[in-house]
Amino acid sequence: MKRQSEFEIRLRRLIGRVEAWSYGDTDPGAGESEELARDLRRLATAAPSPLLRQGVRRAQDALDDGLSAEAVAAALYRLRADFEAGRPQLSPPPSPSR
């Protein structure tokens, strides 16, 4: 069983919250946006690389610019893809066979 990093756990939770916001019947209030912004800041501190911190900033910018939940979610999906693509690089390289 693979162990999830703190970053991955926070990212998945945040994506779920943004999806719930996106599909919700209510207009997001200032409280929801503030909570998401706070969670994005926490996610940035847990980011294991500058590339991933930059991805978090894209999501923060979308939220700060008042873009739709779908735009924020798209930035988070891209961040998740970047994280998953870089995961092998986060582990130590295999030892040489020679």
C-alpha atoms as a PDB file:
ATOM      1  CA  MET A   1       0.000   0.000   0.000  1.00  0.00           C
ATOM      2  CA  LYS A   2       1.464   3.351  -0.973  1.00  0.00           C
ATOM      3  CA  ARG A   3       1.760   6.097   1.573  1.00  0.00           C
ATOM      4  CA  GLN A   4       0.220   9.438   0.625  1.00  0.00           C
ATOM      5  CA  SER A   5       2.134  12.601   1.332  1.00  0.00           C
ATOM      6  CA  GLU A   6       0.641  15.431   3.350  1.00  0.00           C
ATOM      7  CA  PHE A   7       0.565  17.474   0.148  1.00  0.00           C
ATOM      8  CA  GLU A   8      -1.400  14.814  -1.718  1.00  0.00           C
ATOM      9  CA  ILE A   9      -3.911  14.407   1.103  1.00  0.00           C
ATOM     10  CA  ARG A  10      -4.509  18.161   1.321  1.00  0.00           C
ATOM     11  CA  LEU A  11      -4.753  18.469  -2.462  1.00  0.00           C
ATOM     12  CA  ARG A  12      -7.372  15.719  -2.750  1.00  0.00           C
ATOM     13  CA  ARG A  13      -9.452  17.212   0.070  1.00  0.00           C
ATOM     14  CA  LEU A  14      -9.275  20.648  -1.496  1.00  0.00           C
ATOM     15  CA  ILE A  15     -10.330  19.317  -4.894  1.00  0.00           C
ATOM     16  CA  GLY A  16     -13.322  17.662  -3.228  1.00  0.00           C
ATOM     17  CA  ARG A  17     -14.325  20.916  -1.543  1.00  0.00           C
ATOM     18  CA  VAL A  18     -14.034  22.893  -4.769  1.00  0.00           C
ATOM     19  CA  GLU A  19     -16.073  20.253  -6.615  1.00  0.00           C
ATOM     20  CA  ALA A  20     -18.765  20.469  -3.922  1.00  0.00           C
ATOM     21  CA  TRP A  21     -18.714  24.261  -4.276  1.00  0.00           C
ATOM     22  CA  SER A  22     -18.989  23.905  -8.051  1.00  0.00           C
ATOM     23  CA  TYR A  23     -22.011  21.606  -7.884  1.00  0.00           C
ATOM     24  CA  GLY A  24     -23.679  23.419  -4.999  1.00  0.00           C
ATOM     25  CA  ASP A  25     -26.938  25.245  -5.455  1.00  0.00           C
ATOM     26  CA  THR A  26     -25.844  28.219  -3.405  1.00  0.00           C
ATOM     27  CA  ASP A  27     -23.667  31.104  -4.416  1.00  0.00           C
ATOM     28  CA  PRO A  28     -20.328  30.842  -2.648  1.00  0.00           C
ATOM     29  CA  GLY A  29     -20.149  33.367   0.130  1.00  0.00           C
ATOM     30  CA  ALA A  30     -17.136  35.275   1.291  1.00  0.00           C
ATOM     31  CA  GLY A  31     -16.646  32.727   4.060  1.00  0.00           C
ATOM     32  CA  GLU A  32     -16.225  29.859   1.635  1.00  0.00           C
ATOM     33  CA  SER A  33     -13.758  31.798  -0.502  1.00  0.00           C
ATOM     34  CA  GLU A  34     -11.784  32.802   2.572  1.00  0.00           C
ATOM     35  CA  GLU A  35     -11.627  29.205   3.786  1.00  0.00           C
ATOM     36  CA  LEU A  36     -10.492  28.001   0.369  1.00  0.00           C
ATOM     37  CA  ALA A  37      -7.847  30.740   0.246  1.00  0.00           C
ATOM     38  CA  ARG A  38      -6.578  29.696   3.682  1.00  0.00           C
ATOM     39  CA  ASP A  39      -6.449  26.051   2.598  1.00  0.00           C
ATOM     40  CA  LEU A  40      -4.585  27.009  -0.574  1.00  0.00           C
ATOM     41  CA  ARG A  41      -1.976  28.840   1.520  1.00  0.00           C
ATOM     42  CA  ARG A  42      -1.561  25.721   3.672  1.00  0.00           C
ATOM     43  CA  LEU A  43      -1.263  23.594   0.548  1.00  0.00           C
ATOM     44  CA  ALA A  44       1.473  25.883  -0.771  1.00  0.00           C
ATOM     45  CA  THR A  45       3.493  25.391   2.420  1.00  0.00           C
ATOM     46  CA  ALA A  46       3.250  21.607   1.997  1.00  0.00           C
ATOM     47  CA  ALA A  47       4.244  21.678  -1.702  1.00  0.00           C
ATOM     48  CA  PRO A  48       7.380  19.571  -2.160  1.00  0.00           C
ATOM     49  CA  SER A  49       8.740  21.623  -5.087  1.00  0.00           C
ATOM     50  CA  PRO A  50       8.721  25.128  -6.568  1.00  0.00           C
ATOM     51  CA  LEU A  51       6.797  23.831  -9.598  1.00  0.00           C
ATOM     52  CA  LEU A  52       4.004  22.588  -7.360  1.00  0.00           C
ATOM     53  CA  ARG A  53       3.972  25.835  -5.345  1.00  0.00           C
ATOM     54  CA  GLN A  54       3.543  27.664  -8.648  1.00  0.00           C
ATOM     55  CA  GLY A  55       0.570  25.414  -9.443  1.00  0.00           C
ATOM     56  CA  VAL A  56      -0.998  26.281  -6.106  1.00  0.00           C
ATOM     57  CA  ARG A  57      -0.494  29.966  -6.928  1.00  0.00           C
ATOM     58  CA  ARG A  58      -2.430  29.493 -10.187  1.00  0.00           C
ATOM     59  CA  ALA A  59      -5.379  28.144  -8.199  1.00  0.00           C
ATOM     60  CA  GLN A  60      -5.029  31.005  -5.688  1.00  0.00           C
ATOM     61  CA  ASP A  61      -5.001  33.529  -8.532  1.00  0.00           C
ATOM     62  CA  ALA A  62      -8.162  32.020 -10.029  1.00  0.00           C
ATOM     63  CA  LEU A  63      -9.891  32.259  -6.648  1.00  0.00           C
ATOM     64  CA  ASP A  64      -8.605  35.790  -5.984  1.00  0.00           C
ATOM     65  CA  ASP A  65      -9.733  36.924  -9.440  1.00  0.00           C
ATOM     66  CA  GLY A  66     -13.273  35.763  -8.660  1.00  0.00           C
ATOM     67  CA  LEU A  67     -13.245  33.110 -11.371  1.00  0.00           C
ATOM     68  CA  SER A  68     -15.706  30.245 -11.252  1.00  0.00           C
ATOM     69  CA  ALA A  69     -15.265  27.170  -9.111  1.00  0.00           C
ATOM     70  CA  GLU A  70     -14.632  25.288 -12.346  1.00  0.00           C
ATOM     71  CA  ALA A  71     -11.614  27.496 -13.076  1.00  0.00           C
ATOM     72  CA  VAL A  72     -10.234  26.939  -9.580  1.00  0.00           C
ATOM     73  CA  ALA A  73     -10.855  23.197  -9.920  1.00  0.00           C
ATOM     74  CA  ALA A  74      -9.110  23.151 -13.321  1.00  0.00           C
ATOM     75  CA  ALA A  75      -6.008  24.702 -11.743  1.00  0.00           C
ATOM     76  CA  LEU A  76      -6.118  22.071  -8.985  1.00  0.00           C
ATOM     77  CA  TYR A  77      -6.556  19.222 -11.494  1.00  0.00           C
ATOM     78  CA  ARG A  78      -3.511  20.482 -13.377  1.00  0.00           C
ATOM     79  CA  LEU A  79      -1.618  20.651 -10.089  1.00  0.00           C
ATOM     80  CA  ARG A  80      -2.610  17.061  -9.305  1.00  0.00           C
ATOM     81  CA  ALA A  81      -1.414  15.950 -12.752  1.00  0.00           C
ATOM     82  CA  ASP A  82       1.905  17.763 -12.223  1.00  0.00           C
ATOM     83  CA  PHE A  83       2.279  16.104  -8.817  1.00  0.00           C
ATOM     84  CA  GLU A  84       1.487  12.639 -10.170  1.00  0.00           C
ATOM     85  CA  ALA A  85       3.848  13.110 -13.118  1.00  0.00           C
ATOM     86  CA  GLY A  86       6.641  14.166 -10.770  1.00  0.00           C
ATOM     87  CA  ARG A  87       6.058  11.523  -8.138  1.00  0.00           C
ATOM     88  CA  PRO A  88       8.793   9.193  -9.444  1.00  0.00           C
ATOM     89  CA  GLN A  89      11.210  12.127  -9.256  1.00  0.00           C
ATOM     90  CA  LEU A  90      10.333  12.643  -5.599  1.00  0.00           C
ATOM     91  CA  SER A  91      11.596   9.195  -4.669  1.00  0.00           C
ATOM     92  CA  PRO A  92      15.291   8.341  -4.701  1.00  0.00           C
ATOM     93  CA  PRO A  93      16.652   7.201  -8.048  1.00  0.00           C
ATOM     94  CA  PRO A  94      17.255   3.468  -8.482  1.00  0.00           C
ATOM     95  CA  SER A  95      20.748   2.330  -7.685  1.00  0.00           C
ATOM     96  CA  PRO A  96      22.955   1.645 -10.704  1.00  0.00           C
ATOM     97  CA  SER A  97      23.303  -1.987 -11.701  1.00  0.00           C
ATOM     98  CA  ARG A  98      27.002  -1.649 -12.468  1.00  0.00           C
END
